[in-house]
Amino acid sequence: MHAVLRPGRVVRLVNLSSGGALIEGRRPLRPGARVYLQLSTDRGSAGRDAQILRCAVASLSGTEGVHYHGALKFDEQWERVWEEFTRCGYAIPESNTSGEACSGHAIPT
């Protein structure tokens, strides 16, 4: 699953629910700002308008720089799309200490 915060910022999806999302990116987000989160898989894409509730530094690294976590609240519940993404058991990547990509746990149905 790929996540993009429009107009084109690639972000990492940390957590997703029908009411909002927690994302991670390299740029700070301004609380109160309006954004559009688009999620894509090999089966298609869908998006939702959202408001940024808060933003905090998630990690600092001499090699990776600063990473931020942003909490988004969707304008409308996203239950049907949430069900579509979770029905297939898409894997959500786990974080690890080495910073390399690793396999994740399937979202429970």
PDB file of N, CA and C in Angstrom:
ATOM      1  N   MET A   1       0.855  -1.174   0.000  1.00  0.00           N
ATOM      2  CA  MET A   1       0.000   0.000   0.000  1.00  0.00           C
ATOM      3  C   MET A   1       0.900   1.235   0.000  1.00  0.00           C
ATOM      4  N   HIS A   2       0.604   2.184  -0.856  1.00  0.00           N
ATOM      5  CA  HIS A   2       1.355   3.434  -0.944  1.00  0.00           C
ATOM      6  C   HIS A   2       0.456   4.569  -0.481  1.00  0.00           C
ATOM      7  N   ALA A   3       1.044   5.530   0.208  1.00  0.00           N
ATOM      8  CA  ALA A   3       0.281   6.682   0.695  1.00  0.00           C
ATOM      9  C   ALA A   3       0.921   7.969   0.184  1.00  0.00           C
ATOM     10  N   VAL A   4       0.070   8.865  -0.309  1.00  0.00           N
ATOM     11  CA  VAL A   4       0.531  10.169  -0.804  1.00  0.00           C
ATOM     12  C   VAL A   4      -0.359  11.232  -0.197  1.00  0.00           C
ATOM     13  N   LEU A   5       0.266  12.265   0.333  1.00  0.00           N
ATOM     14  CA  LEU A   5      -0.450  13.420   0.852  1.00  0.00           C
ATOM     15  C   LEU A   5      -0.419  14.457  -0.256  1.00  0.00           C
ATOM     16  N   ARG A   6      -1.538  14.706  -0.876  1.00  0.00           N
ATOM     17  CA  ARG A   6      -1.609  15.611  -2.020  1.00  0.00           C
ATOM     18  C   ARG A   6      -1.249  17.016  -1.608  1.00  0.00           C
ATOM     19  N   PRO A   7      -0.418  17.658  -2.451  1.00  0.00           N
ATOM     20  CA  PRO A   7      -0.233  17.501  -3.889  1.00  0.00           C
ATOM     21  C   PRO A   7       0.921  16.617  -4.319  1.00  0.00           C
ATOM     22  N   GLY A   8       1.456  15.764  -3.537  1.00  0.00           N
ATOM     23  CA  GLY A   8       2.484  14.876  -4.043  1.00  0.00           C
ATOM     24  C   GLY A   8       3.546  14.478  -3.038  1.00  0.00           C
ATOM     25  N   ARG A   9       3.292  14.639  -1.771  1.00  0.00           N
ATOM     26  CA  ARG A   9       4.246  14.221  -0.739  1.00  0.00           C
ATOM     27  C   ARG A   9       4.038  12.750  -0.432  1.00  0.00           C
ATOM     28  N   VAL A  10       5.050  11.946  -0.685  1.00  0.00           N
ATOM     29  CA  VAL A  10       4.973  10.531  -0.324  1.00  0.00           C
ATOM     30  C   VAL A  10       5.160  10.427   1.179  1.00  0.00           C
ATOM     31  N   VAL A  11       4.261   9.704   1.832  1.00  0.00           N
ATOM     32  CA  VAL A  11       4.330   9.494   3.276  1.00  0.00           C
ATOM     33  C   VAL A  11       4.225   8.002   3.548  1.00  0.00           C
ATOM     34  N   ARG A  12       4.568   7.620   4.764  1.00  0.00           N
ATOM     35  CA  ARG A  12       4.421   6.224   5.197  1.00  0.00           C
ATOM     36  C   ARG A  12       3.201   6.137   6.088  1.00  0.00           C
ATOM     37  N   LEU A  13       2.347   5.195   5.816  1.00  0.00           N
ATOM     38  CA  LEU A  13       1.155   4.980   6.620  1.00  0.00           C
ATOM     39  C   LEU A  13       1.553   4.191   7.860  1.00  0.00           C
ATOM     40  N   VAL A  14       1.368   4.787   9.039  1.00  0.00           N
ATOM     41  CA  VAL A  14       1.713   4.128  10.293  1.00  0.00           C
ATOM     42  C   VAL A  14       0.501   3.403  10.851  1.00  0.00           C
ATOM     43  N   ASN A  15      -0.657   4.050  10.801  1.00  0.00           N
ATOM     44  CA  ASN A  15      -1.876   3.493  11.361  1.00  0.00           C
ATOM     45  C   ASN A  15      -3.052   4.059  10.585  1.00  0.00           C
ATOM     46  N   LEU A  16      -4.077   3.250  10.397  1.00  0.00           N
ATOM     47  CA  LEU A  16      -5.242   3.669   9.635  1.00  0.00           C
ATOM     48  C   LEU A  16      -6.505   3.176  10.311  1.00  0.00           C
ATOM     49  N   SER A  17      -7.495   4.044  10.417  1.00  0.00           N
ATOM     50  CA  SER A  17      -8.807   3.654  10.919  1.00  0.00           C
ATOM     51  C   SER A  17      -9.853   4.323  10.042  1.00  0.00           C
ATOM     52  N   SER A  18     -11.110   4.033  10.287  1.00  0.00           N
ATOM     53  CA  SER A  18     -12.165   4.638   9.478  1.00  0.00           C
ATOM     54  C   SER A  18     -12.292   6.130   9.752  1.00  0.00           C
ATOM     55  N   GLY A  19     -11.792   6.606  10.883  1.00  0.00           N
ATOM     56  CA  GLY A  19     -11.911   8.019  11.229  1.00  0.00           C
ATOM     57  C   GLY A  19     -10.690   8.862  10.966  1.00  0.00           C
ATOM     58  N   GLY A  20      -9.529   8.221  10.743  1.00  0.00           N
ATOM     59  CA  GLY A  20      -8.321   8.999  10.542  1.00  0.00           C
ATOM     60  C   GLY A  20      -7.108   8.131  10.286  1.00  0.00           C
ATOM     61  N   ALA A  21      -5.943   8.772  10.256  1.00  0.00           N
ATOM     62  CA  ALA A  21      -4.704   8.059   9.965  1.00  0.00           C
ATOM     63  C   ALA A  21      -3.536   8.719  10.686  1.00  0.00           C
ATOM     64  N   LEU A  22      -2.533   7.924  10.975  1.00  0.00           N
ATOM     65  CA  LEU A  22      -1.264   8.422  11.474  1.00  0.00           C
ATOM     66  C   LEU A  22      -0.262   8.176  10.366  1.00  0.00           C
ATOM     67  N   ILE A  23       0.400   9.237   9.919  1.00  0.00           N
ATOM     68  CA  ILE A  23       1.351   9.136   8.813  1.00  0.00           C
ATOM     69  C   ILE A  23       2.722   9.595   9.272  1.00  0.00           C
ATOM     70  N   GLU A  24       3.743   9.197   8.530  1.00  0.00           N
ATOM     71  CA  GLU A  24       5.110   9.632   8.804  1.00  0.00           C
ATOM     72  C   GLU A  24       5.702  10.189   7.525  1.00  0.00           C
ATOM     73  N   GLY A  25       6.363  11.337   7.650  1.00  0.00           N
ATOM     74  CA  GLY A  25       6.983  11.952   6.496  1.00  0.00           C
ATOM     75  C   GLY A  25       8.201  12.763   6.883  1.00  0.00           C
ATOM     76  N   ARG A  26       8.838  13.330   5.882  1.00  0.00           N
ATOM     77  CA  ARG A  26      10.063  14.094   6.109  1.00  0.00           C
ATOM     78  C   ARG A  26       9.834  15.585   6.314  1.00  0.00           C
ATOM     79  N   ARG A  27       8.619  16.043   6.096  1.00  0.00           N
ATOM     80  CA  ARG A  27       8.321  17.469   6.282  1.00  0.00           C
ATOM     81  C   ARG A  27       7.306  17.650   7.395  1.00  0.00           C
ATOM     82  N   PRO A  28       7.431  18.736   8.159  1.00  0.00           N
ATOM     83  CA  PRO A  28       6.436  18.986   9.209  1.00  0.00           C
ATOM     84  C   PRO A  28       5.081  19.338   8.594  1.00  0.00           C
ATOM     85  N   LEU A  29       4.026  19.024   9.315  1.00  0.00           N
ATOM     86  CA  LEU A  29       2.661  19.330   8.893  1.00  0.00           C
ATOM     87  C   LEU A  29       2.091  20.391   9.817  1.00  0.00           C
ATOM     88  N   ARG A  30       1.299  21.282   9.265  1.00  0.00           N
ATOM     89  CA  ARG A  30       0.737  22.385  10.049  1.00  0.00           C
ATOM     90  C   ARG A  30      -0.629  21.979  10.606  1.00  0.00           C
ATOM     91  N   PRO A  31      -0.754  21.871  11.940  1.00  0.00           N
ATOM     92  CA  PRO A  31      -2.059  21.532  12.529  1.00  0.00           C
ATOM     93  C   PRO A  31      -3.131  22.528  12.080  1.00  0.00           C
ATOM     94  N   GLY A  32      -4.298  21.993  11.743  1.00  0.00           N
ATOM     95  CA  GLY A  32      -5.399  22.808  11.257  1.00  0.00           C
ATOM     96  C   GLY A  32      -5.477  22.874   9.740  1.00  0.00           C
ATOM     97  N   ALA A  33      -4.389  22.498   9.064  1.00  0.00           N
ATOM     98  CA  ALA A  33      -4.374  22.545   7.600  1.00  0.00           C
ATOM     99  C   ALA A  33      -5.253  21.439   7.022  1.00  0.00           C
ATOM    100  N   ARG A  34      -5.771  21.686   5.835  1.00  0.00           N
ATOM    101  CA  ARG A  34      -6.595  20.712   5.115  1.00  0.00           C
ATOM    102  C   ARG A  34      -5.703  19.981   4.119  1.00  0.00           C
ATOM    103  N   VAL A  35      -5.836  18.668   4.035  1.00  0.00           N
ATOM    104  CA  VAL A  35      -5.041  17.853   3.122  1.00  0.00           C
ATOM    105  C   VAL A  35      -5.934  16.787   2.477  1.00  0.00           C
ATOM    106  N   TYR A  36      -5.364  16.102   1.500  1.00  0.00           N
ATOM    107  CA  TYR A  36      -6.036  14.977   0.861  1.00  0.00           C
ATOM    108  C   TYR A  36      -5.085  13.791   0.919  1.00  0.00           C
ATOM    109  N   LEU A  37      -5.495  12.712   1.571  1.00  0.00           N
ATOM    110  CA  LEU A  37      -4.676  11.504   1.676  1.00  0.00           C
ATOM    111  C   LEU A  37      -5.147  10.502   0.636  1.00  0.00           C
ATOM    112  N   GLN A  38      -4.234  10.065  -0.222  1.00  0.00           N
ATOM    113  CA  GLN A  38      -4.565   9.073  -1.237  1.00  0.00           C
ATOM    114  C   GLN A  38      -3.795   7.796  -0.952  1.00  0.00           C
ATOM    115  N   LEU A  39      -4.517   6.682  -0.887  1.00  0.00           N
ATOM    116  CA  LEU A  39      -3.922   5.367  -0.682  1.00  0.00           C
ATOM    117  C   LEU A  39      -4.059   4.578  -1.973  1.00  0.00           C
ATOM    118  N   SER A  40      -2.993   3.879  -2.345  1.00  0.00           N
ATOM    119  CA  SER A  40      -3.002   3.101  -3.586  1.00  0.00           C
ATOM    120  C   SER A  40      -2.481   1.700  -3.331  1.00  0.00           C
ATOM    121  N   THR A  41      -3.067   0.754  -4.018  1.00  0.00           N
ATOM    122  CA  THR A  41      -2.591  -0.630  -4.032  1.00  0.00           C
ATOM    123  C   THR A  41      -2.565  -1.069  -5.478  1.00  0.00           C
ATOM    124  N   ASP A  42      -2.179  -2.309  -5.709  1.00  0.00           N
ATOM    125  CA  ASP A  42      -2.189  -2.819  -7.079  1.00  0.00           C
ATOM    126  C   ASP A  42      -3.622  -2.981  -7.600  1.00  0.00           C
ATOM    127  N   ARG A  43      -4.610  -2.910  -6.720  1.00  0.00           N
ATOM    128  CA  ARG A  43      -6.014  -3.068  -7.108  1.00  0.00           C
ATOM    129  C   ARG A  43      -6.716  -1.738  -7.356  1.00  0.00           C
ATOM    130  N   GLY A  44      -6.067  -0.626  -7.067  1.00  0.00           N
ATOM    131  CA  GLY A  44      -6.689   0.669  -7.288  1.00  0.00           C
ATOM    132  C   GLY A  44      -6.273   1.668  -6.224  1.00  0.00           C
ATOM    133  N   SER A  45      -6.946   2.811  -6.226  1.00  0.00           N
ATOM    134  CA  SER A  45      -6.623   3.838  -5.242  1.00  0.00           C
ATOM    135  C   SER A  45      -7.894   4.532  -4.779  1.00  0.00           C
ATOM    136  N   ALA A  46      -7.791   5.138  -3.616  1.00  0.00           N
ATOM    137  CA  ALA A  46      -8.907   5.880  -3.041  1.00  0.00           C
ATOM    138  C   ALA A  46      -8.320   6.938  -2.120  1.00  0.00           C
ATOM    139  N   GLY A  47      -9.081   7.984  -1.877  1.00  0.00           N
ATOM    140  CA  GLY A  47      -8.580   9.052  -1.026  1.00  0.00           C
ATOM    141  C   GLY A  47      -9.671   9.695  -0.219  1.00  0.00           C
ATOM    142  N   ARG A  48      -9.242  10.534   0.713  1.00  0.00           N
ATOM    143  CA  ARG A  48     -10.181  11.199   1.606  1.00  0.00           C
ATOM    144  C   ARG A  48      -9.614  12.548   2.020  1.00  0.00           C
ATOM    145  N   ASP A  49     -10.476  13.559   2.072  1.00  0.00           N
ATOM    146  CA  ASP A  49     -10.103  14.859   2.630  1.00  0.00           C
ATOM    147  C   ASP A  49      -9.940  14.706   4.134  1.00  0.00           C
ATOM    148  N   ALA A  50      -8.983  15.433   4.688  1.00  0.00           N
ATOM    149  CA  ALA A  50      -8.709  15.317   6.114  1.00  0.00           C
ATOM    150  C   ALA A  50      -8.182  16.637   6.652  1.00  0.00           C
ATOM    151  N   GLN A  51      -8.179  16.722   7.969  1.00  0.00           N
ATOM    152  CA  GLN A  51      -7.603  17.861   8.670  1.00  0.00           C
ATOM    153  C   GLN A  51      -6.441  17.342   9.506  1.00  0.00           C
ATOM    154  N   ILE A  52      -5.339  18.082   9.519  1.00  0.00           N
ATOM    155  CA  ILE A  52      -4.190  17.714  10.340  1.00  0.00           C
ATOM    156  C   ILE A  52      -4.498  18.136  11.774  1.00  0.00           C
ATOM    157  N   LEU A  53      -4.493  17.172  12.693  1.00  0.00           N
ATOM    158  CA  LEU A  53      -4.758  17.468  14.097  1.00  0.00           C
ATOM    159  C   LEU A  53      -3.494  17.852  14.848  1.00  0.00           C
ATOM    160  N   ARG A  54      -2.411  17.122  14.590  1.00  0.00           N
ATOM    161  CA  ARG A  54      -1.146  17.420  15.278  1.00  0.00           C
ATOM    162  C   ARG A  54       0.014  16.853  14.481  1.00  0.00           C
ATOM    163  N   CYS A  55       1.184  17.364  14.792  1.00  0.00           N
ATOM    164  CA  CYS A  55       2.412  16.916  14.152  1.00  0.00           C
ATOM    165  C   CYS A  55       3.516  16.941  15.204  1.00  0.00           C
ATOM    166  N   ALA A  56       4.336  15.893  15.223  1.00  0.00           N
ATOM    167  CA  ALA A  56       5.426  15.803  16.194  1.00  0.00           C
ATOM    168  C   ALA A  56       6.629  15.131  15.542  1.00  0.00           C
ATOM    169  N   VAL A  57       7.802  15.402  16.071  1.00  0.00           N
ATOM    170  CA  VAL A  57       9.011  14.743  15.591  1.00  0.00           C
ATOM    171  C   VAL A  57       8.936  13.273  16.008  1.00  0.00           C
ATOM    172  N   ALA A  58       9.075  12.385  15.039  1.00  0.00           N
ATOM    173  CA  ALA A  58       9.023  10.946  15.316  1.00  0.00           C
ATOM    174  C   ALA A  58      10.417  10.388  15.556  1.00  0.00           C
ATOM    175  N   SER A  59      11.405  10.889  14.804  1.00  0.00           N
ATOM    176  CA  SER A  59      12.774  10.411  14.980  1.00  0.00           C
ATOM    177  C   SER A  59      13.768  11.429  14.430  1.00  0.00           C
ATOM    178  N   LEU A  60      14.974  11.380  14.993  1.00  0.00           N
ATOM    179  CA  LEU A  60      16.104  12.201  14.549  1.00  0.00           C
ATOM    180  C   LEU A  60      17.276  11.268  14.266  1.00  0.00           C
ATOM    181  N   SER A  61      17.935  11.492  13.141  1.00  0.00           N
ATOM    182  CA  SER A  61      19.068  10.647  12.794  1.00  0.00           C
ATOM    183  C   SER A  61      20.084  11.477  12.026  1.00  0.00           C
ATOM    184  N   GLY A  62      21.357  11.203  12.262  1.00  0.00           N
ATOM    185  CA  GLY A  62      22.401  11.903  11.540  1.00  0.00           C
ATOM    186  C   GLY A  62      22.420  11.555  10.062  1.00  0.00           C
ATOM    187  N   THR A  63      21.976  10.365   9.719  1.00  0.00           N
ATOM    188  CA  THR A  63      21.976   9.942   8.318  1.00  0.00           C
ATOM    189  C   THR A  63      20.609  10.114   7.655  1.00  0.00           C
ATOM    190  N   GLU A  64      19.552   9.886   8.392  1.00  0.00           N
ATOM    191  CA  GLU A  64      18.189   9.943   7.833  1.00  0.00           C
ATOM    192  C   GLU A  64      17.543  11.321   7.977  1.00  0.00           C
ATOM    193  N   GLY A  65      18.027  12.138   8.890  1.00  0.00           N
ATOM    194  CA  GLY A  65      17.420  13.445   9.133  1.00  0.00           C
ATOM    195  C   GLY A  65      16.234  13.339  10.077  1.00  0.00           C
ATOM    196  N   VAL A  66      15.302  14.248   9.930  1.00  0.00           N
ATOM    197  CA  VAL A  66      14.132  14.315  10.808  1.00  0.00           C
ATOM    198  C   VAL A  66      12.945  13.642  10.132  1.00  0.00           C
ATOM    199  N   HIS A  67      12.205  12.852  10.894  1.00  0.00           N
ATOM    200  CA  HIS A  67      10.949  12.253  10.435  1.00  0.00           C
ATOM    201  C   HIS A  67       9.843  12.736  11.365  1.00  0.00           C
ATOM    202  N   TYR A  68       8.707  13.077  10.786  1.00  0.00           N
ATOM    203  CA  TYR A  68       7.574  13.614  11.545  1.00  0.00           C
ATOM    204  C   TYR A  68       6.390  12.661  11.493  1.00  0.00           C
ATOM    205  N   HIS A  69       5.632  12.596  12.578  1.00  0.00           N
ATOM    206  CA  HIS A  69       4.346  11.895  12.601  1.00  0.00           C
ATOM    207  C   HIS A  69       3.253  12.948  12.549  1.00  0.00           C
ATOM    208  N   GLY A  70       2.263  12.713  11.712  1.00  0.00           N
ATOM    209  CA  GLY A  70       1.110  13.600  11.614  1.00  0.00           C
ATOM    210  C   GLY A  70      -0.172  12.829  11.829  1.00  0.00           C
ATOM    211  N   ALA A  71      -1.053  13.353  12.673  1.00  0.00           N
ATOM    212  CA  ALA A  71      -2.350  12.730  12.922  1.00  0.00           C
ATOM    213  C   ALA A  71      -3.394  13.426  12.051  1.00  0.00           C
ATOM    214  N   LEU A  72      -4.110  12.640  11.254  1.00  0.00           N
ATOM    215  CA  LEU A  72      -5.135  13.167  10.358  1.00  0.00           C
ATOM    216  C   LEU A  72      -6.512  12.698  10.811  1.00  0.00           C
ATOM    217  N   LYS A  73      -7.479  13.589  10.709  1.00  0.00           N
ATOM    218  CA  LYS A  73      -8.875  13.239  10.970  1.00  0.00           C
ATOM    219  C   LYS A  73      -9.637  13.407   9.667  1.00  0.00           C
ATOM    220  N   PHE A  74     -10.246  12.308   9.194  1.00  0.00           N
ATOM    221  CA  PHE A  74     -11.000  12.364   7.949  1.00  0.00           C
ATOM    222  C   PHE A  74     -12.271  13.174   8.132  1.00  0.00           C
ATOM    223  N   ASP A  75     -12.662  13.899   7.069  1.00  0.00           N
ATOM    224  CA  ASP A  75     -13.890  14.689   7.112  1.00  0.00           C
ATOM    225  C   ASP A  75     -15.117  13.798   7.240  1.00  0.00           C
ATOM    226  N   GLU A  76     -15.076  12.650   6.589  1.00  0.00           N
ATOM    227  CA  GLU A  76     -16.176  11.694   6.636  1.00  0.00           C
ATOM    228  C   GLU A  76     -15.601  10.325   6.986  1.00  0.00           C
ATOM    229  N   GLN A  77     -16.382   9.493   7.652  1.00  0.00           N
ATOM    230  CA  GLN A  77     -15.941   8.138   7.951  1.00  0.00           C
ATOM    231  C   GLN A  77     -15.599   7.425   6.652  1.00  0.00           C
ATOM    232  N   TRP A  78     -14.604   6.568   6.689  1.00  0.00           N
ATOM    233  CA  TRP A  78     -14.099   5.889   5.507  1.00  0.00           C
ATOM    234  C   TRP A  78     -14.332   4.387   5.609  1.00  0.00           C
ATOM    235  N   GLU A  79     -15.468   4.005   6.174  1.00  0.00           N
ATOM    236  CA  GLU A  79     -15.713   2.607   6.504  1.00  0.00           C
ATOM    237  C   GLU A  79     -15.702   1.682   5.297  1.00  0.00           C
ATOM    238  N   ARG A  80     -16.334   2.043   4.190  1.00  0.00           N
ATOM    239  CA  ARG A  80     -16.378   1.141   3.041  1.00  0.00           C
ATOM    240  C   ARG A  80     -14.999   0.918   2.446  1.00  0.00           C
ATOM    241  N   VAL A  81     -14.214   1.959   2.311  1.00  0.00           N
ATOM    242  CA  VAL A  81     -12.866   1.804   1.758  1.00  0.00           C
ATOM    243  C   VAL A  81     -11.988   1.036   2.737  1.00  0.00           C
ATOM    244  N   TRP A  82     -12.130   1.349   4.029  1.00  0.00           N
ATOM    245  CA  TRP A  82     -11.384   0.627   5.075  1.00  0.00           C
ATOM    246  C   TRP A  82     -11.662  -0.865   4.956  1.00  0.00           C
ATOM    247  N   GLU A  83     -12.928  -1.245   4.787  1.00  0.00           N
ATOM    248  CA  GLU A  83     -13.277  -2.653   4.652  1.00  0.00           C
ATOM    249  C   GLU A  83     -12.649  -3.257   3.401  1.00  0.00           C
ATOM    250  N   GLU A  84     -12.627  -2.514   2.320  1.00  0.00           N
ATOM    251  CA  GLU A  84     -12.043  -3.012   1.076  1.00  0.00           C
ATOM    252  C   GLU A  84     -10.547  -3.280   1.232  1.00  0.00           C
ATOM    253  N   PHE A  85      -9.830  -2.362   1.855  1.00  0.00           N
ATOM    254  CA  PHE A  85      -8.393  -2.543   2.040  1.00  0.00           C
ATOM    255  C   PHE A  85      -8.100  -3.679   3.012  1.00  0.00           C
ATOM    256  N   THR A  86      -8.878  -3.821   4.071  1.00  0.00           N
ATOM    257  CA  THR A  86      -8.575  -4.837   5.080  1.00  0.00           C
ATOM    258  C   THR A  86      -9.078  -6.220   4.705  1.00  0.00           C
ATOM    259  N   ARG A  87     -10.047  -6.319   3.836  1.00  0.00           N
ATOM    260  CA  ARG A  87     -10.598  -7.624   3.465  1.00  0.00           C
ATOM    261  C   ARG A  87      -9.532  -8.518   2.845  1.00  0.00           C
ATOM    262  N   CYS A  88      -8.613  -7.943   2.105  1.00  0.00           N
ATOM    263  CA  CYS A  88      -7.590  -8.726   1.424  1.00  0.00           C
ATOM    264  C   CYS A  88      -6.374  -8.990   2.297  1.00  0.00           C
ATOM    265  N   GLY A  89      -6.355  -8.480   3.520  1.00  0.00           N
ATOM    266  CA  GLY A  89      -5.246  -8.732   4.429  1.00  0.00           C
ATOM    267  C   GLY A  89      -3.939  -8.119   3.980  1.00  0.00           C
ATOM    268  N   TYR A  90      -3.970  -6.872   3.491  1.00  0.00           N
ATOM    269  CA  TYR A  90      -2.740  -6.215   3.070  1.00  0.00           C
ATOM    270  C   TYR A  90      -1.772  -6.119   4.239  1.00  0.00           C
ATOM    271  N   ALA A  91      -0.507  -6.312   3.962  1.00  0.00           N
ATOM    272  CA  ALA A  91       0.518  -6.254   4.994  1.00  0.00           C
ATOM    273  C   ALA A  91       0.904  -4.810   5.270  1.00  0.00           C
ATOM    274  N   ILE A  92       0.973  -4.456   6.525  1.00  0.00           N
ATOM    275  CA  ILE A  92       1.441  -3.144   6.957  1.00  0.00           C
ATOM    276  C   ILE A  92       2.869  -3.326   7.447  1.00  0.00           C
ATOM    277  N   PRO A  93       3.838  -2.611   6.883  1.00  0.00           N
ATOM    278  CA  PRO A  93       5.235  -2.817   7.272  1.00  0.00           C
ATOM    279  C   PRO A  93       5.478  -2.498   8.735  1.00  0.00           C
ATOM    280  N   GLU A  94       6.295  -3.311   9.359  1.00  0.00           N
ATOM    281  CA  GLU A  94       6.725  -3.044  10.722  1.00  0.00           C
ATOM    282  C   GLU A  94       7.962  -2.158  10.648  1.00  0.00           C
ATOM    283  N   SER A  95       8.218  -1.422  11.712  1.00  0.00           N
ATOM    284  CA  SER A  95       9.483  -0.693  11.760  1.00  0.00           C
ATOM    285  C   SER A  95      10.517  -1.612  12.401  1.00  0.00           C
ATOM    286  N   ASN A  96      11.755  -1.411  12.045  1.00  0.00           N
ATOM    287  CA  ASN A  96      12.821  -2.169  12.676  1.00  0.00           C
ATOM    288  C   ASN A  96      13.978  -1.237  12.951  1.00  0.00           C
ATOM    289  N   THR A  97      14.918  -1.694  13.722  1.00  0.00           N
ATOM    290  CA  THR A  97      16.013  -0.825  14.139  1.00  0.00           C
ATOM    291  C   THR A  97      17.012  -0.565  13.031  1.00  0.00           C
ATOM    292  N   SER A  98      17.094  -1.422  12.030  1.00  0.00           N
ATOM    293  CA  SER A  98      18.079  -1.234  10.981  1.00  0.00           C
ATOM    294  C   SER A  98      17.626  -0.230   9.926  1.00  0.00           C
ATOM    295  N   GLY A  99      16.331   0.098   9.918  1.00  0.00           N
ATOM    296  CA  GLY A  99      15.823   1.038   8.941  1.00  0.00           C
ATOM    297  C   GLY A  99      15.519   0.410   7.590  1.00  0.00           C
ATOM    298  N   GLU A 100      15.779  -0.902   7.444  1.00  0.00           N
ATOM    299  CA  GLU A 100      15.488  -1.588   6.193  1.00  0.00           C
ATOM    300  C   GLU A 100      14.032  -2.017   6.163  1.00  0.00           C
ATOM    301  N   ALA A 101      13.506  -2.156   4.966  1.00  0.00           N
ATOM    302  CA  ALA A 101      12.141  -2.635   4.817  1.00  0.00           C
ATOM    303  C   ALA A 101      12.049  -4.068   5.295  1.00  0.00           C
ATOM    304  N   CYS A 102      10.936  -4.403   5.906  1.00  0.00           N
ATOM    305  CA  CYS A 102      10.728  -5.776   6.347  1.00  0.00           C
ATOM    306  C   CYS A 102       9.261  -6.121   6.159  1.00  0.00           C
ATOM    307  N   SER A 103       8.960  -7.394   6.197  1.00  0.00           N
ATOM    308  CA  SER A 103       7.571  -7.806   6.010  1.00  0.00           C
ATOM    309  C   SER A 103       6.754  -7.391   7.225  1.00  0.00           C
ATOM    310  N   GLY A 104       5.466  -7.208   7.004  1.00  0.00           N
ATOM    311  CA  GLY A 104       4.606  -6.751   8.087  1.00  0.00           C
ATOM    312  C   GLY A 104       3.618  -7.799   8.507  1.00  0.00           C
ATOM    313  N   HIS A 105       2.739  -7.418   9.396  1.00  0.00           N
ATOM    314  CA  HIS A 105       1.657  -8.273   9.840  1.00  0.00           C
ATOM    315  C   HIS A 105       0.427  -7.919   9.020  1.00  0.00           C
ATOM    316  N   ALA A 106      -0.335  -8.916   8.656  1.00  0.00           N
ATOM    317  CA  ALA A 106      -1.561  -8.658   7.920  1.00  0.00           C
ATOM    318  C   ALA A 106      -2.556  -7.981   8.845  1.00  0.00           C
ATOM    319  N   ILE A 107      -3.320  -7.055   8.287  1.00  0.00           N
ATOM    320  CA  ILE A 107      -4.369  -6.384   9.061  1.00  0.00           C
ATOM    321  C   ILE A 107      -5.436  -7.424   9.341  1.00  0.00           C
ATOM    322  N   PRO A 108      -5.892  -7.549  10.590  1.00  0.00           N
ATOM    323  CA  PRO A 108      -6.927  -8.548  10.888  1.00  0.00           C
ATOM    324  C   PRO A 108      -8.236  -8.211  10.184  1.00  0.00           C
ATOM    325  N   THR A 109      -8.953  -9.230   9.743  1.00  0.00           N
ATOM    326  CA  THR A 109     -10.229  -9.016   9.091  1.00  0.00           C
ATOM    327  C   THR A 109     -11.337  -8.898  10.106  1.00  0.00           C
TER     328      THR A 109
END
